[in-house]
């Protein structure tokens, strides 16, 4: 009986999300509530779907963006991204040693915080030969902070009076995963969404230099570096939209569907968050990750308010 209720709840929320009746934070919250009351009947499928749906949704958002503005945003935000990545990685390396954190765990959390959350952890973990437990702990901490970011960033954005440009930049460089970056910017405004998506994906490319650094730190030069190829599809979608090959009604539909898919993705993320995993993580990784996240959030906001055009 409970399994049937779980399935009804699961597919019911997905239907509401696809219909555009749920906001990003509500979808994530409903996902987390699901884990508290039900055993996930589709856990493995959900975990696999998150990555696929996110990439499809991000590519779809490209059909609502123009190449000139996208290039301008990417170029103008390079200094901010470089500033945040360099300082976050440097601070992470120092803080993890100070807390006597496991080297692999500290490096994975640092990579996830400085670049792109779960994607960075997945890319870096085979390079440093991290074990399953270490990867799970790093992902658990990062996903928990992602959930908080989805709620806290819009709140503080409005509280501080950030405009859409500033908020989009802040989300893109200070929130871990693309799903939460886009989810936080989704309801703030169209400009915030476009900027957050563009800058976040350019930040994702830092996986490549981070992989090289990881090879030297962990003395492993045999592991291949993975390039996030879906970014090329995202750029292709922008080029198609900018050349007006497709009618506006079609590109607008693609963008609308993509936004709904992002909300579905956030619900699935919520359903895969485990309270028991967070409890077994311990206080050191959580303190380390929260401190590192607070650090990048503050320094990026300072940069944006004082140096960003």
Protein backbone atom coordinates (compact mmCIF):
# COMPACT_ATOMS: atom_id res chain seq x y z
CA UNK A 1 0.00 0.00 0.00
CA UNK A 2 2.76 2.42 0.97
CA UNK A 3 4.62 1.65 -2.27
CA UNK A 4 1.51 2.58 -4.26
CA UNK A 5 1.18 5.84 -2.35
CA UNK A 6 4.84 6.57 -2.99
CA UNK A 7 4.35 6.09 -6.74
CA UNK A 8 1.23 8.28 -6.77
CA UNK A 9 3.08 11.01 -4.86
CA UNK A 10 6.15 10.69 -7.09
CA UNK A 11 4.37 10.89 -10.44
CA UNK A 12 1.83 13.41 -9.13
CA UNK A 13 4.54 15.91 -8.24
CA UNK A 14 6.28 15.35 -11.57
CA UNK A 15 2.98 16.03 -13.38
CA UNK A 16 2.50 19.27 -11.42
CA UNK A 17 6.08 20.33 -12.20
CA UNK A 18 5.65 19.62 -15.92
CA UNK A 19 2.44 21.63 -15.87
CA UNK A 20 4.35 24.60 -14.48
CA UNK A 21 2.44 24.65 -11.20
CA UNK A 22 5.47 24.33 -8.88
CA UNK A 23 8.34 26.69 -8.14
CA UNK A 24 11.93 25.47 -7.77
CA UNK A 25 12.11 25.59 -3.93
CA UNK A 26 8.70 23.92 -3.56
CA UNK A 27 9.70 21.09 -5.90
CA UNK A 28 12.94 20.50 -4.00
CA UNK A 29 11.06 20.59 -0.69
CA UNK A 30 8.45 18.09 -1.91
CA UNK A 31 11.29 15.82 -2.99
CA UNK A 32 12.89 15.97 0.44
CA UNK A 33 9.52 15.30 2.13
CA UNK A 34 9.19 12.25 -0.11
CA UNK A 35 12.41 10.78 1.35
CA UNK A 36 11.12 11.27 4.90
CA UNK A 37 7.93 9.26 4.42
CA UNK A 38 8.60 6.80 1.60
CA UNK A 39 11.20 4.37 0.39
CA UNK A 40 12.16 5.52 -3.11
CA UNK A 41 10.74 3.03 -5.66
CA UNK A 42 12.83 4.48 -8.50
CA UNK A 43 16.04 5.58 -6.79
CA UNK A 44 18.55 4.38 -9.38
CA UNK A 45 16.43 5.65 -12.27
CA UNK A 46 16.07 9.04 -10.59
CA UNK A 47 19.81 9.35 -9.99
CA UNK A 48 20.51 8.62 -13.65
CA UNK A 49 17.70 10.89 -14.87
CA UNK A 50 18.95 13.93 -12.94
CA UNK A 51 22.10 14.25 -15.03
CA UNK A 52 20.29 13.69 -18.34
CA UNK A 53 17.34 15.99 -17.62
CA UNK A 54 19.62 18.76 -16.40
CA UNK A 55 21.69 18.69 -19.59
CA UNK A 56 18.58 18.59 -21.80
CA UNK A 57 17.04 21.50 -19.89
CA UNK A 58 20.20 23.62 -20.04
CA UNK A 59 20.52 23.03 -23.80
CA UNK A 60 16.86 23.98 -24.17
CA UNK A 61 17.46 27.27 -22.38
CA UNK A 62 19.97 28.09 -25.10
CA UNK A 63 17.06 28.57 -27.52
CA UNK A 64 16.12 31.68 -25.57
CA UNK A 65 19.56 33.31 -25.68
CA UNK A 66 21.46 35.43 -28.22
CA UNK A 67 25.08 34.73 -29.14
CA UNK A 68 26.30 38.35 -28.88
CA UNK A 69 24.97 38.86 -25.36
CA UNK A 70 26.18 35.41 -24.32
CA UNK A 71 29.73 36.11 -25.50
CA UNK A 72 29.74 39.50 -23.80
CA UNK A 73 28.56 37.95 -20.54
CA UNK A 74 31.15 35.14 -20.70
CA UNK A 75 34.03 37.53 -21.43
CA UNK A 76 33.02 40.14 -18.87
CA UNK A 77 32.57 37.51 -16.13
CA UNK A 78 35.92 35.78 -16.72
CA UNK A 79 37.72 37.89 -14.12
CA UNK A 80 35.07 37.17 -11.50
CA UNK A 81 35.12 33.44 -12.21
CA UNK A 82 38.92 33.27 -12.12
CA UNK A 83 38.98 35.29 -8.89
CA UNK A 84 36.46 33.01 -7.15
CA UNK A 85 37.85 29.69 -8.39
CA UNK A 86 41.45 30.54 -7.47
CA UNK A 87 40.65 31.85 -3.98
CA UNK A 88 38.19 29.04 -3.19
CA UNK A 89 40.63 26.30 -4.21
CA UNK A 90 43.48 27.96 -2.30
CA UNK A 91 41.37 28.44 0.83
CA UNK A 92 40.02 24.89 0.55
CA UNK A 93 43.49 23.37 0.44
CA UNK A 94 44.57 25.35 3.52
CA UNK A 95 41.37 24.80 5.52
CA UNK A 96 41.22 21.04 4.88
CA UNK A 97 44.76 20.68 6.29
CA UNK A 98 43.89 22.84 9.29
CA UNK A 99 40.87 20.65 10.07
CA UNK A 100 42.92 17.47 9.42
CA UNK A 101 40.29 16.37 6.91
CA UNK A 102 40.90 13.35 4.73
CA UNK A 103 42.88 14.62 1.72
CA UNK A 104 40.62 13.05 -0.91
CA UNK A 105 37.41 14.19 0.78
CA UNK A 106 38.71 17.72 1.25
CA UNK A 107 39.81 17.89 -2.39
CA UNK A 108 36.44 16.65 -3.70
CA UNK A 109 34.45 19.12 -1.61
CA UNK A 110 36.81 21.92 -2.66
CA UNK A 111 36.42 20.95 -6.32
CA UNK A 112 32.64 20.79 -6.00
CA UNK A 113 32.43 24.15 -4.23
CA UNK A 114 34.81 26.01 -6.53
CA UNK A 115 33.56 24.67 -9.87
CA UNK A 116 30.31 22.78 -10.33
CA UNK A 117 29.22 20.59 -7.45
CA UNK A 118 28.37 17.00 -8.28
CA UNK A 119 29.73 17.22 -11.83
CA UNK A 120 33.16 18.26 -10.58
CA UNK A 121 33.14 15.57 -7.90
CA UNK A 122 32.22 12.94 -10.51
CA UNK A 123 34.99 14.15 -12.84
CA UNK A 124 37.72 14.50 -10.22
CA UNK A 125 37.04 11.37 -8.12
CA UNK A 126 38.51 8.82 -10.58
CA UNK A 127 41.58 11.01 -11.09
CA UNK A 128 42.40 11.00 -7.37
CA UNK A 129 41.13 7.41 -6.98
CA UNK A 130 38.61 8.31 -4.28
CA UNK A 131 36.67 5.41 -2.77
CA UNK A 132 32.87 5.11 -2.86
CA UNK A 133 32.38 6.24 0.74
CA UNK A 134 34.41 9.41 0.18
CA UNK A 135 32.50 10.24 -3.01
CA UNK A 136 29.15 9.66 -1.28
CA UNK A 137 30.11 11.90 1.64
CA UNK A 138 31.26 14.70 -0.67
CA UNK A 139 28.09 14.48 -2.78
CA UNK A 140 25.85 14.39 0.29
CA UNK A 141 27.34 17.55 1.77
CA UNK A 142 27.28 19.42 -1.53
CA UNK A 143 23.68 18.43 -2.33
CA UNK A 144 22.55 19.56 1.14
CA UNK A 145 24.17 22.99 0.67
CA UNK A 146 22.65 23.20 -2.82
CA UNK A 147 19.23 22.79 -1.28
CA UNK A 148 19.93 25.62 1.17
CA UNK A 149 21.24 27.83 -1.65
CA UNK A 150 18.01 27.47 -3.56
CA UNK A 151 16.15 29.06 -0.64
CA UNK A 152 18.75 31.43 0.82
CA UNK A 153 20.10 33.11 -2.32
CA UNK A 154 16.79 34.58 -3.59
CA UNK A 155 16.02 35.71 -0.03
CA UNK A 156 19.33 37.53 0.39
CA UNK A 157 19.22 38.76 -3.20
CA UNK A 158 15.98 40.63 -2.53
CA UNK A 159 17.14 41.67 0.94
CA UNK A 160 20.32 43.24 -0.46
CA UNK A 161 18.48 44.79 -3.40
CA UNK A 162 20.53 42.98 -6.05
CA UNK A 163 19.43 43.63 -9.61
CA UNK A 164 18.98 40.74 -12.01
CA UNK A 165 22.46 41.08 -13.50
CA UNK A 166 24.12 41.03 -10.08
CA UNK A 167 22.00 38.16 -8.81
CA UNK A 168 22.64 36.06 -11.92
CA UNK A 169 26.39 36.51 -11.50
CA UNK A 170 26.25 35.72 -7.78
CA UNK A 171 24.31 32.50 -8.32
CA UNK A 172 26.63 31.40 -11.13
CA UNK A 173 29.86 31.68 -9.13
CA UNK A 174 28.72 30.91 -5.58
CA UNK A 175 26.23 28.02 -5.87
CA UNK A 176 27.62 24.54 -6.49
CA UNK A 177 25.42 22.64 -8.97
CA UNK A 178 23.91 23.92 -12.20
CA UNK A 179 20.46 22.69 -11.15
CA UNK A 180 20.42 24.93 -8.07
CA UNK A 181 22.05 27.85 -9.92
CA UNK A 182 19.34 27.84 -12.55
CA UNK A 183 16.65 27.01 -9.99
CA UNK A 184 17.57 30.01 -7.82
CA UNK A 185 17.68 32.37 -10.82
CA UNK A 186 14.56 30.95 -12.47
CA UNK A 187 12.08 32.99 -10.44
CA UNK A 188 14.29 36.07 -10.05
CA UNK A 189 13.87 37.12 -13.68
CA UNK A 190 14.75 36.32 -17.29
CA UNK A 191 17.96 38.36 -17.27
CA UNK A 192 19.14 36.69 -14.06
CA UNK A 193 18.38 33.26 -15.59
CA UNK A 194 20.31 33.96 -18.80
CA UNK A 195 23.35 35.36 -16.99
CA UNK A 196 23.38 32.61 -14.36
CA UNK A 197 23.18 29.86 -17.01
CA UNK A 198 25.89 31.36 -19.25
CA UNK A 199 28.39 32.15 -16.50
CA UNK A 200 27.76 28.86 -14.73
CA UNK A 201 28.52 26.86 -17.85
CA UNK A 202 31.70 28.83 -18.46
CA UNK A 203 32.61 28.07 -14.84
CA UNK A 204 32.00 24.37 -15.55
CA UNK A 205 34.88 24.41 -18.06
CA UNK A 206 37.23 24.90 -15.11
CA UNK A 207 36.85 21.14 -14.59
CA UNK A 208 39.64 20.76 -17.15
CA UNK A 209 42.38 22.78 -15.37
CA UNK A 210 41.17 21.43 -12.01
CA UNK A 211 41.63 17.89 -13.34
CA UNK A 212 45.20 18.71 -14.35
CA UNK A 213 45.92 20.19 -10.89
CA UNK A 214 44.43 17.07 -9.29
CA UNK A 215 46.77 14.85 -11.31
CA UNK A 216 49.79 16.67 -9.91
CA UNK A 217 48.49 16.79 -6.33
CA UNK A 218 47.69 13.08 -6.30
CA UNK A 219 50.49 12.02 -8.69
CA UNK A 220 48.26 10.28 -11.23
CA UNK A 221 48.95 11.20 -14.86
CA UNK A 222 47.24 8.21 -16.49
CA UNK A 223 43.62 9.24 -15.93
CA UNK A 224 41.78 10.81 -18.87
CA UNK A 225 40.21 14.26 -18.50
CA UNK A 226 36.51 14.44 -19.34
CA UNK A 227 35.24 17.43 -21.33
CA UNK A 228 31.59 18.48 -20.68
CA UNK A 229 30.42 18.08 -24.30
CA UNK A 230 26.83 19.13 -23.59
CA UNK A 231 28.13 22.71 -23.43
CA UNK A 232 28.74 22.46 -27.19
CA UNK A 233 25.05 21.58 -27.64
CA UNK A 234 24.12 24.58 -25.49
CA UNK A 235 26.21 26.85 -27.76
CA UNK A 236 24.62 25.25 -30.84
CA UNK A 237 21.14 26.03 -29.47
CA UNK A 238 22.19 29.67 -28.94
CA UNK A 239 23.53 29.87 -32.52
CA UNK A 240 20.28 28.41 -33.91
CA UNK A 241 18.22 30.91 -31.94
CA UNK A 242 20.45 33.83 -32.97
CA UNK A 243 20.23 32.92 -36.66
CA UNK A 244 16.39 32.75 -36.49
CA UNK A 245 16.29 29.41 -38.31
CA UNK A 246 13.36 28.27 -36.19
CA UNK A 247 10.14 30.26 -35.69
CA UNK A 248 9.96 32.14 -32.40
CA UNK A 249 6.96 30.11 -31.26
CA UNK A 250 9.11 26.94 -31.39
CA UNK A 251 12.12 28.37 -29.56
CA UNK A 252 9.83 29.89 -26.93
CA UNK A 253 8.19 26.49 -26.45
CA UNK A 254 11.61 24.84 -26.03
CA UNK A 255 12.54 27.36 -23.35
CA UNK A 256 9.23 26.86 -21.52
CA UNK A 257 9.61 23.08 -21.54
CA UNK A 258 13.20 23.41 -20.33
CA UNK A 259 12.14 25.50 -17.34
CA UNK A 260 9.57 22.87 -16.37
CA UNK A 261 12.17 20.10 -16.77
CA UNK A 262 14.46 22.00 -14.40
CA UNK A 263 11.75 21.99 -11.74
CA UNK A 264 11.28 18.24 -12.28
CA UNK A 265 15.04 17.80 -11.91
CA UNK A 266 15.04 19.66 -8.59
CA UNK A 267 12.25 17.41 -7.32
CA UNK A 268 14.32 14.35 -8.28
CA UNK A 269 17.35 15.84 -6.53
CA UNK A 270 15.23 16.22 -3.39
CA UNK A 271 14.09 12.58 -3.57
CA UNK A 272 17.69 11.35 -3.66
CA UNK A 273 18.82 13.32 -0.60
CA UNK A 274 19.33 10.97 2.34
CA UNK A 275 19.16 12.16 5.95
CA UNK A 276 21.02 9.05 7.07
CA UNK A 277 23.89 9.83 4.67
CA UNK A 278 24.21 13.32 6.11
CA UNK A 279 24.27 11.95 9.67
CA UNK A 280 27.07 9.50 8.88
CA UNK A 281 29.13 12.22 7.21
CA UNK A 282 30.12 13.76 10.55
CA UNK A 283 30.65 17.37 11.56
CA UNK A 284 34.09 18.06 10.05
CA UNK A 285 33.13 17.69 6.36
CA UNK A 286 29.95 19.68 6.95
CA UNK A 287 31.78 22.51 8.75
CA UNK A 288 34.47 22.50 6.08
CA UNK A 289 31.98 22.62 3.19
CA UNK A 290 29.78 25.26 4.85
CA UNK A 291 32.78 27.47 5.66
CA UNK A 292 34.14 27.16 2.13
CA UNK A 293 30.71 27.93 0.66
CA UNK A 294 30.27 30.93 2.95
CA UNK A 295 33.72 32.15 1.90
CA UNK A 296 33.01 32.02 -1.86
CA UNK A 297 29.54 33.53 -1.35
CA UNK A 298 30.95 36.54 0.52
CA UNK A 299 34.00 37.21 -1.66
CA UNK A 300 31.97 36.88 -4.88
CA UNK A 301 29.28 39.22 -3.58
CA UNK A 302 31.96 41.75 -2.57
CA UNK A 303 33.49 41.55 -6.06
CA UNK A 304 30.12 41.91 -7.80
CA UNK A 305 29.04 44.91 -5.72
CA UNK A 306 32.36 46.74 -6.09
CA UNK A 307 33.96 45.73 -9.38
CA UNK A 308 31.30 44.21 -11.63
CA UNK A 309 29.81 46.44 -14.34
